[in-house]
Amino acid sequence: MSHKVTLGALAAVVGFLAFVEFTSGVLQGYYTPMLSDIARHLQIHDADVNWFEGTQLMLSALVVPAFAKLGDMVGHKRMLLISTALTAAAALALPFTDSFWVFLVAWTLMGFYVVWLPLEIALIWSRSRRMEGRSFITARAAGLLVAALEAGAIIGALVGGALVDVLPLTVVLLIPAVLVVICFFVILFGVKESPDQTGGVLDITGLVLISIALICFTGGLSLLRLEGGLVNPWSWAVVALGLLLIVPFVLWELRHDDPLIDVRMFRSPALGPVFLTAGLFGVSVLGAQAPLSTFARTDPAVYGYGLGTTGFATSLIIGIYLIGMIAGALLFPVIARLATPRLTLIGASSLVAIGFLLFLPFHDAYAQAITNMVIIGLGSGALVAALPAAAASAAPETQTGVATGLTNSVKTVGGAIASCVFGIALLHGAASTAGGAEGTAGSLAGYMTVWIVCGVTALAAAVLLLFVPKQAFTDRVTEVDAALR
């Protein structure tokens, strides 16, 4: 039986998967303009909003390795369905609680959606294996998926920002949950399974080891954010323990015949820098979302800084930023073909760095914020599309899902670290308004810290990519690597 995939069949798969990414985008954009409203609803400090990001990113870091490996083993569509069902259940719980801890648990479990994009890229890579120009086809498909994601995020942000100003929060929170339920049936009836599964048995020992390590590490970061956490030696001890537990995981994976994660991929001159770039990129694309939203909502008449925007005006900033991301995602395969994928990645990282560093002198006006966010969006959109596609093209055939998943895992770890650091930075010195009264907004020094960290990490990613082989992530290199294996 022939497994040849026509361009039309591939387009059909991308079409249905585009709706999945549209839904993912809605989840990522819809809640952002209302984070301050959610904080008031739950009676928490603005800085505590970072708990939502931090715990969701921790879960993401845990589930992506397992779901990516299971996708290679038993089918990427099957794992898409499972993760979508779990996301829907969590999203349906959000509208019906005003308890911070219940809301936090549900918000955390909603993080299962992060496995969608790497599973989709692996699915497309698998189905395009007989097509000429496979790397560029995958890159183009990734660009289309990210464009759908950002379109969803734009619509989600605009609709969410508009509705939160006129409707009860319970009703507003119910809308994305219904969309995820619809998404489940779109996958069930519209997406075909990947043609090849590796089979085998899941490396449970490896999964347990890496899960314990990540729980300790991210849990330690959370402890650092508690009052007195920075001077509590136990907080630092838990972080250190999480890092040390990586060692037995690596030793186990090196000895295992079918490891959860082939750690040798981190030594690859093409894959290693991609994973590190993903981690550095996670700092800004994941860790900075909540601070950017709360800064825009902060009233300058009360605190002396911020933009004082409404929910809808905040969603407009986010929407314009996401339009920049769509442009960056769609331009990536075009520019990569004219230059090289490696140079395009370097340029994208540089744009993210420039945009965040521009916030240091230019953050007092609405137009300044929009200009900075467009620059950041162009670079971020290219990186979101490029990193999983680059990983797929450079990975061993049996590890495609794992490699694309690792870009998300490392990105979420970077985001979790940033979320912790930014939460601490925003909470420090945030106790008073411009008039001296107690307030709930983050400190200006904290926001400056966020912008500096995001800019510097993006610059570090650009420098790191200079050491990647010049023709990395192209079909020619993929074919040579396959021959060497």
Protein backbone atom coordinates (compact mmCIF):
# COMPACT_ATOMS: atom_id res chain seq x y z
CA MET A 1 0.00 0.00 0.00
CA SER A 2 1.42 3.38 -1.00
CA HIS A 3 1.89 6.02 1.67
CA LYS A 4 2.48 8.84 -0.79
CA VAL A 5 0.87 12.07 0.40
CA THR A 6 -0.40 14.56 -2.17
CA LEU A 7 -0.23 18.30 -1.63
CA GLY A 8 -4.02 18.38 -1.61
CA ALA A 9 -4.19 15.81 1.19
CA LEU A 10 -1.59 17.73 3.16
CA ALA A 11 -3.57 20.95 2.66
CA ALA A 12 -6.68 19.21 4.01
CA VAL A 13 -4.80 18.14 7.12
CA VAL A 14 -3.40 21.64 7.65
CA GLY A 15 -6.90 23.05 7.19
CA PHE A 16 -8.42 21.05 10.04
CA LEU A 17 -5.35 21.51 12.21
CA ALA A 18 -5.58 25.25 11.56
CA PHE A 19 -8.89 25.25 13.45
CA VAL A 20 -7.17 23.51 16.36
CA GLU A 21 -4.51 26.21 16.42
CA PHE A 22 -7.18 28.89 16.06
CA THR A 23 -8.74 27.50 19.24
CA SER A 24 -5.32 27.44 20.91
CA GLY A 25 -4.90 31.07 19.95
CA VAL A 26 -8.26 32.00 21.46
CA LEU A 27 -7.17 30.39 24.74
CA GLN A 28 -3.89 32.33 24.67
CA GLY A 29 -5.40 35.70 23.77
CA TYR A 30 -8.87 35.70 25.29
CA TYR A 31 -7.95 35.86 28.97
CA THR A 32 -5.05 38.33 28.74
CA PRO A 33 -7.07 41.60 28.65
CA MET A 34 -9.10 40.48 31.68
CA LEU A 35 -6.28 39.35 33.98
CA SER A 36 -6.75 42.40 36.18
CA ASP A 37 -10.50 41.72 36.30
CA ILE A 38 -9.84 38.10 37.25
CA ALA A 39 -7.45 39.29 39.96
CA ARG A 40 -10.16 41.57 41.39
CA HIS A 41 -12.75 38.77 41.12
CA LEU A 42 -10.48 36.40 43.07
CA GLN A 43 -9.38 39.23 45.43
CA ILE A 44 -5.65 38.79 44.73
CA HIS A 45 -2.71 41.10 43.96
CA ASP A 46 -1.76 41.80 40.32
CA ALA A 47 1.63 40.16 40.92
CA ASP A 48 -0.18 36.94 41.94
CA VAL A 49 -1.52 36.66 38.39
CA ASN A 50 1.92 35.26 37.55
CA TRP A 51 0.94 32.16 39.57
CA PHE A 52 -1.46 31.29 36.74
CA GLU A 53 1.32 31.37 34.18
CA GLY A 54 3.84 29.67 36.44
CA THR A 55 1.69 26.67 37.40
CA GLN A 56 0.33 26.22 33.87
CA LEU A 57 3.85 26.31 32.48
CA MET A 58 4.96 23.76 35.08
CA LEU A 59 2.22 21.36 33.95
CA SER A 60 3.14 22.02 30.33
CA ALA A 61 6.75 21.11 30.99
CA LEU A 62 5.57 17.84 32.54
CA VAL A 63 3.03 16.71 29.95
CA VAL A 64 4.76 17.65 26.69
CA PRO A 65 7.55 15.02 26.89
CA ALA A 66 5.07 12.24 27.65
CA PHE A 67 2.46 13.29 25.06
CA ALA A 68 5.10 13.93 22.37
CA LYS A 69 6.63 10.49 22.89
CA LEU A 70 3.21 8.82 23.01
CA GLY A 71 2.35 10.64 19.77
CA ASP A 72 5.30 8.97 18.06
CA MET A 73 4.35 5.63 19.62
CA VAL A 74 0.56 5.38 19.28
CA GLY A 75 -0.44 8.25 16.97
CA HIS A 76 -0.37 12.01 17.07
CA LYS A 77 -4.12 12.39 16.47
CA ARG A 78 -4.93 10.15 19.41
CA MET A 79 -2.85 12.29 21.76
CA LEU A 80 -4.39 15.45 20.29
CA LEU A 81 -7.83 14.13 21.22
CA ILE A 82 -6.83 13.23 24.77
CA SER A 83 -5.15 16.58 25.43
CA THR A 84 -8.15 18.45 23.98
CA ALA A 85 -10.59 16.57 26.22
CA LEU A 86 -8.52 17.43 29.29
CA THR A 87 -8.28 21.09 28.25
CA ALA A 88 -12.04 21.29 27.73
CA ALA A 89 -12.78 19.85 31.18
CA ALA A 90 -10.48 22.39 32.84
CA ALA A 91 -11.82 25.35 30.83
CA LEU A 92 -15.39 24.43 31.78
CA ALA A 93 -14.47 24.65 35.49
CA LEU A 94 -13.19 28.26 35.35
CA PRO A 95 -16.54 30.09 35.12
CA PHE A 96 -18.01 28.36 38.15
CA THR A 97 -15.61 29.29 40.96
CA ASP A 98 -14.47 32.40 42.78
CA SER A 99 -11.92 30.47 44.87
CA PHE A 100 -8.33 31.36 44.00
CA TRP A 101 -7.07 27.82 44.59
CA VAL A 102 -9.81 26.08 42.60
CA PHE A 103 -9.34 28.60 39.79
CA LEU A 104 -5.58 28.05 39.91
CA VAL A 105 -5.94 24.25 39.63
CA ALA A 106 -8.36 24.52 36.69
CA TRP A 107 -6.19 27.13 34.97
CA THR A 108 -3.16 24.87 35.43
CA LEU A 109 -4.90 21.83 33.92
CA MET A 110 -5.94 23.93 30.93
CA GLY A 111 -2.22 23.93 30.04
CA PHE A 112 -2.65 20.62 28.19
CA TYR A 113 -3.27 22.67 25.03
CA VAL A 114 0.47 23.36 24.75
CA VAL A 115 1.04 19.91 23.24
CA TRP A 116 -1.18 20.68 20.23
CA LEU A 117 1.34 22.53 18.03
CA PRO A 118 4.28 20.09 18.42
CA LEU A 119 1.94 17.13 17.79
CA GLU A 120 0.56 18.86 14.69
CA ILE A 121 4.02 19.65 13.29
CA ALA A 122 5.08 16.03 13.88
CA LEU A 123 1.89 14.86 12.13
CA ILE A 124 2.55 17.06 9.10
CA TRP A 125 6.22 16.02 8.97
CA SER A 126 5.16 12.37 9.06
CA ARG A 127 2.59 12.78 6.29
CA SER A 128 4.93 14.78 4.01
CA ARG A 129 7.85 12.34 4.15
CA ARG A 130 7.62 11.40 0.44
CA MET A 131 7.24 14.96 -0.83
CA GLU A 132 10.02 17.00 -2.39
CA GLY A 133 11.19 19.96 -0.31
CA ARG A 134 9.88 18.41 2.88
CA SER A 135 11.62 20.85 5.23
CA PHE A 136 10.17 23.90 3.47
CA ILE A 137 6.71 22.29 3.23
CA THR A 138 6.80 21.69 6.98
CA ALA A 139 8.03 25.25 7.57
CA ARG A 140 5.23 26.62 5.38
CA ALA A 141 2.66 24.48 7.18
CA ALA A 142 4.04 25.65 10.53
CA GLY A 143 3.71 29.24 9.38
CA LEU A 144 0.07 28.68 8.40
CA LEU A 145 -0.69 26.99 11.73
CA VAL A 146 0.92 29.81 13.69
CA ALA A 147 -0.98 32.35 11.56
CA ALA A 148 -4.21 30.55 12.52
CA LEU A 149 -3.08 30.51 16.15
CA GLU A 150 -2.41 34.23 16.19
CA ALA A 151 -5.63 34.98 14.31
CA GLY A 152 -7.43 33.12 17.08
CA ALA A 153 -5.46 35.04 19.68
CA ILE A 154 -6.37 38.37 18.03
CA ILE A 155 -10.07 37.54 17.86
CA GLY A 156 -9.91 36.08 21.36
CA ALA A 157 -8.21 39.16 22.78
CA LEU A 158 -10.56 41.60 21.04
CA VAL A 159 -13.70 39.66 21.95
CA GLY A 160 -12.50 38.98 25.49
CA GLY A 161 -11.50 42.60 26.04
CA ALA A 162 -14.83 43.86 24.72
CA LEU A 163 -17.02 41.37 26.60
CA VAL A 164 -15.31 41.77 29.97
CA ASP A 165 -16.35 45.44 29.96
CA VAL A 166 -20.06 44.66 29.48
CA LEU A 167 -20.83 41.10 30.66
CA PRO A 168 -20.49 39.21 33.96
CA LEU A 169 -17.15 37.44 34.25
CA THR A 170 -18.84 34.02 34.58
CA VAL A 171 -20.44 34.37 31.14
CA VAL A 172 -17.23 35.70 29.62
CA LEU A 173 -15.21 32.73 30.91
CA LEU A 174 -17.68 30.18 29.52
CA ILE A 175 -17.20 31.13 25.85
CA PRO A 176 -13.68 29.70 25.24
CA ALA A 177 -14.65 26.49 27.05
CA VAL A 178 -17.43 25.86 24.52
CA LEU A 179 -14.97 26.46 21.66
CA VAL A 180 -12.57 23.80 23.02
CA VAL A 181 -15.43 21.28 23.09
CA ILE A 182 -16.12 22.04 19.41
CA CYS A 183 -12.40 21.65 18.70
CA PHE A 184 -12.49 18.10 20.11
CA PHE A 185 -15.07 17.03 17.51
CA VAL A 186 -13.18 18.78 14.69
CA ILE A 187 -10.12 16.66 15.51
CA LEU A 188 -12.22 13.51 15.95
CA PHE A 189 -13.91 13.74 12.54
CA GLY A 190 -11.60 15.95 10.48
CA VAL A 191 -8.00 14.90 11.18
CA LYS A 192 -6.41 11.69 9.90
CA GLU A 193 -3.91 9.79 12.00
CA SER A 194 -0.19 9.91 11.16
CA PRO A 195 0.72 6.99 8.86
CA ASP A 196 3.53 5.54 10.97
CA GLN A 197 3.72 4.82 14.67
CA THR A 198 6.84 3.46 16.30
CA GLY A 199 4.98 1.40 18.91
CA GLY A 200 6.87 0.22 21.95
CA VAL A 201 6.40 0.82 25.65
CA LEU A 202 6.52 4.24 27.30
CA ASP A 203 9.64 4.84 29.39
CA ILE A 204 7.79 5.20 32.69
CA THR A 205 10.97 5.38 34.77
CA GLY A 206 12.29 8.24 32.64
CA LEU A 207 8.94 10.01 32.83
CA VAL A 208 8.88 9.74 36.63
CA LEU A 209 12.46 10.97 36.96
CA ILE A 210 12.00 14.02 34.73
CA SER A 211 8.61 14.79 36.33
CA ILE A 212 10.07 14.79 39.84
CA ALA A 213 12.97 16.96 38.67
CA LEU A 214 10.64 19.49 37.01
CA ILE A 215 8.21 19.54 39.95
CA CYS A 216 11.09 20.21 42.36
CA PHE A 217 12.61 22.87 40.14
CA THR A 218 9.43 24.77 39.32
CA GLY A 219 8.07 24.20 42.84
CA GLY A 220 11.24 25.71 44.26
CA LEU A 221 10.78 28.71 41.99
CA SER A 222 7.26 29.11 43.34
CA LEU A 223 8.56 28.97 46.93
CA LEU A 224 10.99 31.76 46.10
CA ARG A 225 8.00 33.99 45.32
CA LEU A 226 6.42 33.54 48.74
CA GLU A 227 7.03 36.13 51.44
CA GLY A 228 10.58 35.61 52.70
CA GLY A 229 11.22 32.98 50.01
CA LEU A 230 14.32 34.66 48.64
CA VAL A 231 16.08 34.44 52.01
CA ASN A 232 14.75 30.99 52.90
CA PRO A 233 17.47 28.39 52.26
CA TRP A 234 14.85 25.66 51.83
CA SER A 235 13.47 27.41 48.74
CA TRP A 236 16.88 27.43 47.11
CA ALA A 237 17.48 23.84 48.23
CA VAL A 238 14.36 22.64 46.39
CA VAL A 239 15.47 24.47 43.22
CA ALA A 240 18.93 22.90 43.50
CA LEU A 241 17.41 19.45 44.08
CA GLY A 242 15.38 19.82 40.90
CA LEU A 243 18.53 20.60 38.94
CA LEU A 244 20.46 17.70 40.52
CA LEU A 245 17.68 15.24 39.69
CA ILE A 246 18.32 15.90 36.00
CA VAL A 247 21.54 13.84 36.36
CA PRO A 248 19.93 10.43 37.13
CA PHE A 249 17.36 11.11 34.39
CA VAL A 250 20.09 11.70 31.80
CA LEU A 251 22.05 8.61 32.94
CA TRP A 252 18.90 6.48 32.71
CA GLU A 253 17.96 7.80 29.26
CA LEU A 254 21.47 7.14 27.89
CA ARG A 255 21.17 3.48 28.91
CA HIS A 256 17.58 2.97 27.73
CA ASP A 257 16.93 1.32 24.35
CA ASP A 258 13.81 3.43 23.68
CA PRO A 259 14.16 6.51 25.92
CA LEU A 260 11.43 9.02 26.65
CA ILE A 261 13.82 11.73 25.43
CA ASP A 262 16.91 10.92 23.42
CA VAL A 263 19.19 13.27 25.36
CA ARG A 264 21.87 12.84 22.69
CA MET A 265 19.80 15.27 20.60
CA PHE A 266 20.99 18.05 22.91
CA ARG A 267 24.53 17.37 21.68
CA SER A 268 23.53 17.81 18.04
CA PRO A 269 25.15 20.96 16.56
CA ALA A 270 21.80 21.75 14.90
CA LEU A 271 19.29 20.67 17.56
CA GLY A 272 21.14 21.74 20.73
CA PRO A 273 21.10 25.48 19.95
CA VAL A 274 17.46 25.24 18.82
CA PHE A 275 16.43 23.83 22.21
CA LEU A 276 18.41 26.49 24.07
CA THR A 277 16.94 29.20 21.84
CA ALA A 278 13.47 27.88 22.65
CA GLY A 279 14.21 28.20 26.38
CA LEU A 280 15.46 31.76 26.02
CA PHE A 281 12.50 32.63 23.79
CA GLY A 282 10.10 31.23 26.39
CA VAL A 283 11.22 33.96 28.78
CA SER A 284 9.58 36.65 26.65
CA VAL A 285 6.81 34.91 24.73
CA LEU A 286 5.39 33.19 27.84
CA GLY A 287 6.76 34.92 30.91
CA ALA A 288 6.08 38.50 29.78
CA GLN A 289 2.40 38.15 28.80
CA ALA A 290 0.85 38.92 32.17
CA PRO A 291 3.25 41.81 33.03
CA LEU A 292 2.59 43.51 29.68
CA SER A 293 -1.17 43.28 30.23
CA THR A 294 -1.11 44.53 33.82
CA PHE A 295 1.28 47.39 32.90
CA ALA A 296 -1.17 48.58 30.24
CA ARG A 297 -4.07 48.45 32.71
CA THR A 298 -2.16 50.31 35.47
CA ASP A 299 -3.53 53.85 35.97
CA PRO A 300 -0.75 56.49 35.67
CA ALA A 301 -2.86 59.01 37.60
CA VAL A 302 -2.80 56.69 40.61
CA TYR A 303 0.61 55.04 40.39
CA GLY A 304 2.67 57.46 38.30
CA TYR A 305 3.26 54.92 35.50
CA GLY A 306 1.30 52.64 33.19
CA LEU A 307 -1.09 53.37 30.31
CA GLY A 308 -4.41 53.27 32.17
CA THR A 309 -6.16 51.37 29.37
CA THR A 310 -9.58 49.70 29.50
CA GLY A 311 -9.99 45.99 28.80
CA PHE A 312 -10.79 46.66 25.13
CA ALA A 313 -7.93 49.17 24.64
CA THR A 314 -5.57 46.57 26.14
CA SER A 315 -6.90 43.95 23.73
CA LEU A 316 -6.14 46.31 20.82
CA ILE A 317 -2.47 46.39 21.83
CA ILE A 318 -2.47 42.61 22.03
CA GLY A 319 -4.31 42.35 18.70
CA ILE A 320 -1.80 44.54 16.86
CA TYR A 321 1.05 42.57 18.45
CA LEU A 322 -0.52 39.34 17.21
CA ILE A 323 -0.93 40.75 13.69
CA GLY A 324 2.84 41.27 13.81
CA MET A 325 3.20 37.63 14.85
CA ILE A 326 1.08 36.46 11.91
CA ALA A 327 3.26 38.47 9.53
CA GLY A 328 6.40 37.03 11.11
CA ALA A 329 5.10 33.46 10.89
CA LEU A 330 4.08 33.78 7.24
CA LEU A 331 7.30 35.58 6.26
CA PHE A 332 9.55 32.99 7.91
CA PRO A 333 9.44 30.32 5.14
CA VAL A 334 9.77 33.02 2.45
CA ILE A 335 12.82 34.65 4.02
CA ALA A 336 14.28 31.26 4.99
CA ARG A 337 14.18 30.20 1.33
CA LEU A 338 15.82 33.45 0.19
CA ALA A 339 18.47 33.35 2.92
CA THR A 340 18.70 30.32 5.23
CA PRO A 341 16.54 29.15 8.13
CA ARG A 342 19.46 29.81 10.47
CA LEU A 343 19.88 33.48 9.44
CA THR A 344 16.12 33.97 9.64
CA LEU A 345 16.08 32.67 13.20
CA ILE A 346 18.93 35.02 14.13
CA GLY A 347 17.05 37.97 12.65
CA ALA A 348 13.84 37.01 14.44
CA SER A 349 15.59 36.78 17.82
CA SER A 350 17.18 40.18 17.21
CA LEU A 351 13.79 41.77 16.54
CA VAL A 352 12.42 40.44 19.83
CA ALA A 353 15.44 41.90 21.66
CA ILE A 354 15.09 45.30 20.00
CA GLY A 355 11.37 45.52 20.73
CA PHE A 356 11.70 44.78 24.45
CA LEU A 357 14.72 47.04 24.96
CA LEU A 358 12.81 49.90 23.30
CA PHE A 359 10.37 49.74 26.22
CA LEU A 360 13.08 51.13 28.52
CA PRO A 361 13.00 54.66 27.06
CA PHE A 362 9.59 54.43 25.34
CA HIS A 363 6.79 53.23 27.63
CA ASP A 364 4.76 56.32 28.53
CA ALA A 365 2.42 56.50 25.53
CA TYR A 366 -0.06 54.12 23.91
CA ALA A 367 1.58 54.56 20.46
CA GLN A 368 5.01 53.75 21.90
CA ALA A 369 3.75 50.49 23.39
CA ILE A 370 2.12 49.49 20.10
CA THR A 371 5.28 50.23 18.10
CA ASN A 372 7.40 48.14 20.45
CA MET A 373 4.91 45.27 20.39
CA VAL A 374 4.79 45.16 16.56
CA ILE A 375 8.58 44.74 16.46
CA ILE A 376 8.41 42.03 19.11
CA GLY A 377 5.53 40.36 17.27
CA LEU A 378 7.39 40.09 13.95
CA GLY A 379 10.28 38.28 15.61
CA SER A 380 8.11 36.17 17.91
CA GLY A 381 5.85 34.95 15.10
CA ALA A 382 8.82 33.75 13.09
CA LEU A 383 10.27 31.96 16.12
CA VAL A 384 7.01 30.24 17.09
CA ALA A 385 6.73 28.83 13.56
CA ALA A 386 10.41 28.17 13.02
CA LEU A 387 11.51 26.36 16.17
CA PRO A 388 9.30 23.22 15.94
CA ALA A 389 9.78 23.06 12.15
CA ALA A 390 13.56 23.34 12.58
CA ALA A 391 13.53 20.64 15.24
CA ALA A 392 11.46 18.31 13.03
CA SER A 393 13.84 18.72 10.09
CA ALA A 394 16.94 18.05 12.20
CA ALA A 395 15.60 15.18 14.34
CA PRO A 396 15.89 11.41 13.80
CA GLU A 397 12.82 10.00 12.01
CA THR A 398 11.60 8.10 15.08
CA GLN A 399 11.98 11.13 17.35
CA THR A 400 10.08 13.80 15.38
CA GLY A 401 7.32 14.24 17.95
CA VAL A 402 9.83 14.21 20.80
CA ALA A 403 12.03 16.85 19.12
CA THR A 404 9.15 19.20 18.32
CA GLY A 405 7.79 18.60 21.80
CA LEU A 406 11.15 19.44 23.35
CA THR A 407 11.07 22.91 21.80
CA ASN A 408 7.84 23.47 23.70
CA SER A 409 9.08 21.79 26.90
CA VAL A 410 12.25 23.88 27.05
CA LYS A 411 10.26 26.99 26.08
CA THR A 412 7.81 26.39 28.93
CA VAL A 413 10.64 25.86 31.42
CA GLY A 414 12.10 29.20 30.31
CA GLY A 415 8.67 30.76 30.69
CA ALA A 416 8.19 29.22 34.16
CA ILE A 417 11.54 30.60 35.34
CA ALA A 418 10.70 34.01 33.91
CA SER A 419 7.23 33.98 35.46
CA CYS A 420 8.78 33.40 38.88
CA VAL A 421 11.45 36.08 38.42
CA PHE A 422 8.96 38.60 37.04
CA GLY A 423 6.48 37.92 39.84
CA ILE A 424 9.16 38.64 42.43
CA ALA A 425 10.31 41.75 40.54
CA LEU A 426 6.79 43.16 40.25
CA LEU A 427 5.90 42.47 43.86
CA HIS A 428 9.04 44.18 45.17
CA GLY A 429 8.32 47.82 45.94
CA ALA A 430 4.70 47.60 44.78
CA ALA A 431 3.07 48.53 48.08
CA SER A 432 2.11 52.17 47.48
CA THR A 433 0.39 54.45 45.00
CA ALA A 434 1.71 57.80 43.80
CA GLY A 435 -0.09 59.36 46.74
CA GLY A 436 1.45 56.99 49.28
CA ALA A 437 -1.55 54.69 49.82
CA GLU A 438 -1.39 50.91 49.58
CA GLY A 439 -1.87 49.64 46.00
CA THR A 440 -2.14 46.42 44.03
CA ALA A 441 -0.14 47.28 40.88
CA GLY A 442 3.36 46.06 40.11
CA SER A 443 6.34 48.38 40.55
CA LEU A 444 7.86 50.38 37.68
CA ALA A 445 11.29 48.96 38.57
CA GLY A 446 9.74 45.50 38.26
CA TYR A 447 8.45 46.25 34.78
CA MET A 448 11.87 47.61 33.80
CA THR A 449 13.36 44.32 34.99
CA VAL A 450 10.91 42.38 32.82
CA TRP A 451 11.87 44.35 29.69
CA ILE A 452 15.61 44.08 30.33
CA VAL A 453 15.50 40.32 30.97
CA CYS A 454 13.38 39.71 27.85
CA GLY A 455 15.67 41.82 25.68
CA VAL A 456 18.91 40.29 26.94
CA THR A 457 17.69 36.69 26.64
CA ALA A 458 16.56 37.32 23.06
CA LEU A 459 19.99 38.76 22.26
CA ALA A 460 21.61 35.68 23.80
CA ALA A 461 19.46 33.47 21.54
CA ALA A 462 20.62 35.39 18.46
CA VAL A 463 24.26 34.94 19.47
CA LEU A 464 23.72 31.25 20.21
CA LEU A 465 22.31 30.63 16.73
CA LEU A 466 25.54 31.96 15.18
CA PHE A 467 27.11 28.64 16.18
CA VAL A 468 24.55 26.51 14.30
CA PRO A 469 25.82 24.99 10.99
CA LYS A 470 25.09 27.41 8.14
CA GLN A 471 22.86 25.00 6.19
CA ALA A 472 21.00 23.63 9.21
CA PHE A 473 17.26 22.84 8.94
CA THR A 474 17.34 22.26 5.17
CA ASP A 475 16.52 19.08 3.25
CA ARG A 476 20.14 18.63 2.18
CA VAL A 477 21.37 18.53 5.77
CA THR A 478 18.49 16.26 6.80
CA GLU A 479 19.38 13.77 4.06
CA VAL A 480 23.07 13.79 5.01
CA ASP A 481 22.25 13.28 8.69
CA ALA A 482 19.94 10.39 7.79
CA ALA A 483 22.70 8.76 5.78
CA LEU A 484 25.11 9.10 8.71
CA ARG A 485 22.63 7.43 11.03
